[in-house]
C-alpha atoms as a PDB file:
ATOM      1  CA  MET A   1     109.617 172.247 125.169  1.00  0.00           C
ATOM      2  CA  ILE A   2     110.179 175.204 122.788  1.00  0.00           C
ATOM      3  CA  ASN A   3     112.846 177.641 123.187  1.00  0.00           C
ATOM      4  CA  VAL A   4     112.635 181.130 121.785  1.00  0.00           C
ATOM      5  CA  ILE A   5     115.125 183.721 121.171  1.00  0.00           C
ATOM      6  CA  ALA A   6     113.644 187.004 120.071  1.00  0.00           C
ATOM      7  CA  SER A   7     116.060 189.862 118.830  1.00  0.00           C
ATOM      8  CA  ILE A   8     114.296 193.100 118.958  1.00  0.00           C
ATOM      9  CA  LYS A   9     116.168 196.090 117.297  1.00  0.00           C
ATOM     10  CA  VAL A  10     114.991 199.218 119.004  1.00  0.00           C
ATOM     11  CA  LYS A  11     115.600 202.844 117.919  1.00  0.00           C
ATOM     12  CA  SER A  12     118.802 203.985 119.878  1.00  0.00           C
ATOM     13  CA  ASP A  13     117.103 206.770 121.839  1.00  0.00           C
ATOM     14  CA  LYS A  14     114.145 204.591 122.874  1.00  0.00           C
ATOM     15  CA  ILE A  15     115.818 201.568 124.682  1.00  0.00           C
ATOM     16  CA  LYS A  16     114.540 202.831 128.075  1.00  0.00           C
ATOM     17  CA  GLU A  17     110.976 203.463 126.918  1.00  0.00           C
ATOM     18  CA  PHE A  18     110.815 200.042 125.229  1.00  0.00           C
ATOM     19  CA  LEU A  19     111.953 198.149 128.206  1.00  0.00           C
ATOM     20  CA  THR A  20     109.419 199.915 130.429  1.00  0.00           C
ATOM     21  CA  ILE A  21     106.699 198.948 128.056  1.00  0.00           C
ATOM     22  CA  PHE A  22     107.933 195.389 127.640  1.00  0.00           C
ATOM     23  CA  LYS A  23     108.505 194.898 131.337  1.00  0.00           C
ATOM     24  CA  ALA A  24     104.967 196.061 131.992  1.00  0.00           C
ATOM     25  CA  ASN A  25     103.589 193.219 129.835  1.00  0.00           C
ATOM     26  CA  VAL A  26     105.946 190.385 131.373  1.00  0.00           C
ATOM     27  CA  PRO A  27     103.313 189.564 134.284  1.00  0.00           C
ATOM     28  CA  ALA A  28     100.509 188.848 131.845  1.00  0.00           C
ATOM     29  CA  VAL A  29     102.750 186.711 129.732  1.00  0.00           C
ATOM     30  CA  LYS A  30     103.944 184.522 132.710  1.00  0.00           C
ATOM     31  CA  LYS A  31     100.337 183.789 133.561  1.00  0.00           C
ATOM     32  CA  GLU A  32      99.771 182.305 130.110  1.00  0.00           C
ATOM     33  CA  LYS A  33      99.187 178.658 129.729  1.00  0.00           C
ATOM     34  CA  GLY A  34     102.649 176.929 128.999  1.00  0.00           C
ATOM     35  CA  CYS A  35     104.895 179.912 129.711  1.00  0.00           C
ATOM     36  CA  ILE A  36     107.973 178.513 131.518  1.00  0.00           C
ATOM     37  CA  GLU A  37     110.367 181.481 131.136  1.00  0.00           C
ATOM     38  CA  TYR A  38     109.985 185.025 129.625  1.00  0.00           C
ATOM     39  CA  PHE A  39     112.513 187.837 130.041  1.00  0.00           C
ATOM     40  CA  PRO A  40     114.262 190.558 128.364  1.00  0.00           C
ATOM     41  CA  SER A  41     118.067 190.784 128.268  1.00  0.00           C
ATOM     42  CA  MET A  42     120.790 193.052 126.824  1.00  0.00           C
ATOM     43  CA  ASP A  43     124.449 192.468 125.850  1.00  0.00           C
ATOM     44  CA  PHE A  44     126.814 192.284 128.686  1.00  0.00           C
ATOM     45  CA  ASP A  45     130.472 193.188 127.881  1.00  0.00           C
ATOM     46  CA  SER A  46     132.099 189.988 128.620  1.00  0.00           C
ATOM     47  CA  GLY A  47     135.581 190.628 127.129  1.00  0.00           C
ATOM     48  CA  LEU A  48     135.341 187.413 124.983  1.00  0.00           C
ATOM     49  CA  SER A  49     136.479 187.948 121.512  1.00  0.00           C
ATOM     50  CA  ALA A  50     133.713 185.742 120.034  1.00  0.00           C
ATOM     51  CA  GLN A  51     130.892 188.114 121.345  1.00  0.00           C
ATOM     52  CA  LYS A  52     128.959 190.253 118.989  1.00  0.00           C
ATOM     53  CA  LYS A  53     127.436 193.130 120.841  1.00  0.00           C
ATOM     54  CA  ASP A  54     124.712 195.562 119.680  1.00  0.00           C
ATOM     55  CA  SER A  55     123.431 198.194 122.259  1.00  0.00           C
ATOM     56  CA  ASN A  56     120.099 198.474 120.149  1.00  0.00           C
ATOM     57  CA  ILE A  57     119.123 194.893 120.416  1.00  0.00           C
ATOM     58  CA  VAL A  58     116.918 193.616 123.334  1.00  0.00           C
ATOM     59  CA  THR A  59     117.039 189.916 123.311  1.00  0.00           C
ATOM     60  CA  ILE A  60     114.045 188.120 124.824  1.00  0.00           C
ATOM     61  CA  ILE A  61     114.415 184.651 126.293  1.00  0.00           C
ATOM     62  CA  GLU A  62     111.498 182.423 126.221  1.00  0.00           C
ATOM     63  CA  LYS A  63     110.606 178.846 127.196  1.00  0.00           C
ATOM     64  CA  TRP A  64     107.142 177.375 126.447  1.00  0.00           C
ATOM     65  CA  GLU A  65     105.575 173.965 126.903  1.00  0.00           C
ATOM     66  CA  SER A  66     104.717 173.709 123.191  1.00  0.00           C
ATOM     67  CA  ILE A  67     104.485 175.383 119.895  1.00  0.00           C
ATOM     68  CA  GLU A  68     100.878 175.655 120.482  1.00  0.00           C
ATOM     69  CA  ASP A  69     101.237 177.791 123.596  1.00  0.00           C
ATOM     70  CA  LEU A  70     103.641 179.967 121.789  1.00  0.00           C
ATOM     71  CA  LYS A  71     101.327 180.445 118.930  1.00  0.00           C
ATOM     72  CA  ASP A  72      98.530 181.265 121.556  1.00  0.00           C
ATOM     73  CA  HIS A  73     100.702 183.808 123.236  1.00  0.00           C
ATOM     74  CA  LEU A  74     101.548 185.582 119.888  1.00  0.00           C
ATOM     75  CA  LYS A  75      97.636 185.959 119.322  1.00  0.00           C
ATOM     76  CA  SER A  76      96.782 187.126 122.904  1.00  0.00           C
ATOM     77  CA  SER A  77      95.124 190.522 123.256  1.00  0.00           C
ATOM     78  CA  HIS A  78      98.016 191.791 125.617  1.00  0.00           C
ATOM     79  CA  MET A  79     100.597 191.027 122.856  1.00  0.00           C
ATOM     80  CA  ASP A  80      98.393 193.093 120.425  1.00  0.00           C
ATOM     81  CA  SER A  81      98.421 195.821 122.811  1.00  0.00           C
ATOM     82  CA  TYR A  82     102.270 195.675 123.449  1.00  0.00           C
ATOM     83  CA  ARG A  83     102.857 195.562 119.591  1.00  0.00           C
ATOM     84  CA  GLU A  84     100.752 198.599 119.212  1.00  0.00           C
ATOM     85  CA  LYS A  85     102.575 200.499 121.957  1.00  0.00           C
ATOM     86  CA  VAL A  86     106.023 199.676 120.564  1.00  0.00           C
ATOM     87  CA  LYS A  87     105.305 199.883 116.696  1.00  0.00           C
ATOM     88  CA  ASP A  88     107.098 203.375 116.295  1.00  0.00           C
ATOM     89  CA  ILE A  89     110.229 202.471 118.454  1.00  0.00           C
ATOM     90  CA  VAL A  90     110.922 198.825 117.119  1.00  0.00           C
ATOM     91  CA  GLU A  91     113.009 198.767 113.878  1.00  0.00           C
ATOM     92  CA  SER A  92     112.852 194.998 113.567  1.00  0.00           C
ATOM     93  CA  VAL A  93     112.153 191.665 115.118  1.00  0.00           C
ATOM     94  CA  GLU A  94     113.934 188.275 114.324  1.00  0.00           C
ATOM     95  CA  LEU A  95     112.819 184.983 116.074  1.00  0.00           C
ATOM     96  CA  LYS A  96     114.721 181.710 116.668  1.00  0.00           C
ATOM     97  CA  ILE A  97     112.365 179.029 117.488  1.00  0.00           C
ATOM     98  CA  LEU A  98     114.348 176.101 118.878  1.00  0.00           C
ATOM     99  CA  GLU A  99     113.949 172.635 120.319  1.00  0.00           C
ATOM    100  CA  GLU A 100     116.496 170.515 122.060  1.00  0.00           C
ATOM    101  CA  ALA A 101     118.701 168.669 119.718  1.00  0.00           C
END
């Protein structure tokens, strides 16, 4: 199993628009071969001192059966369409691709 943490920095005045576009794509992603989990999340003020918060970051939590499934996901037509829709509101994307230690 592959775990993915995608950190997407969105222009501050475009968070709501980004989430609307992203969530519209989620059902198509969840139908993909190998998708176990896929959802957006944002910082919650926990009050814990070690927490680093950024209200312009949307964190996507993903789980995939294999790296091949993840690679197929990234090449899918609905992901191409999603990227086109958000290209002017996303400032940066960082991925952490993880496996159980």
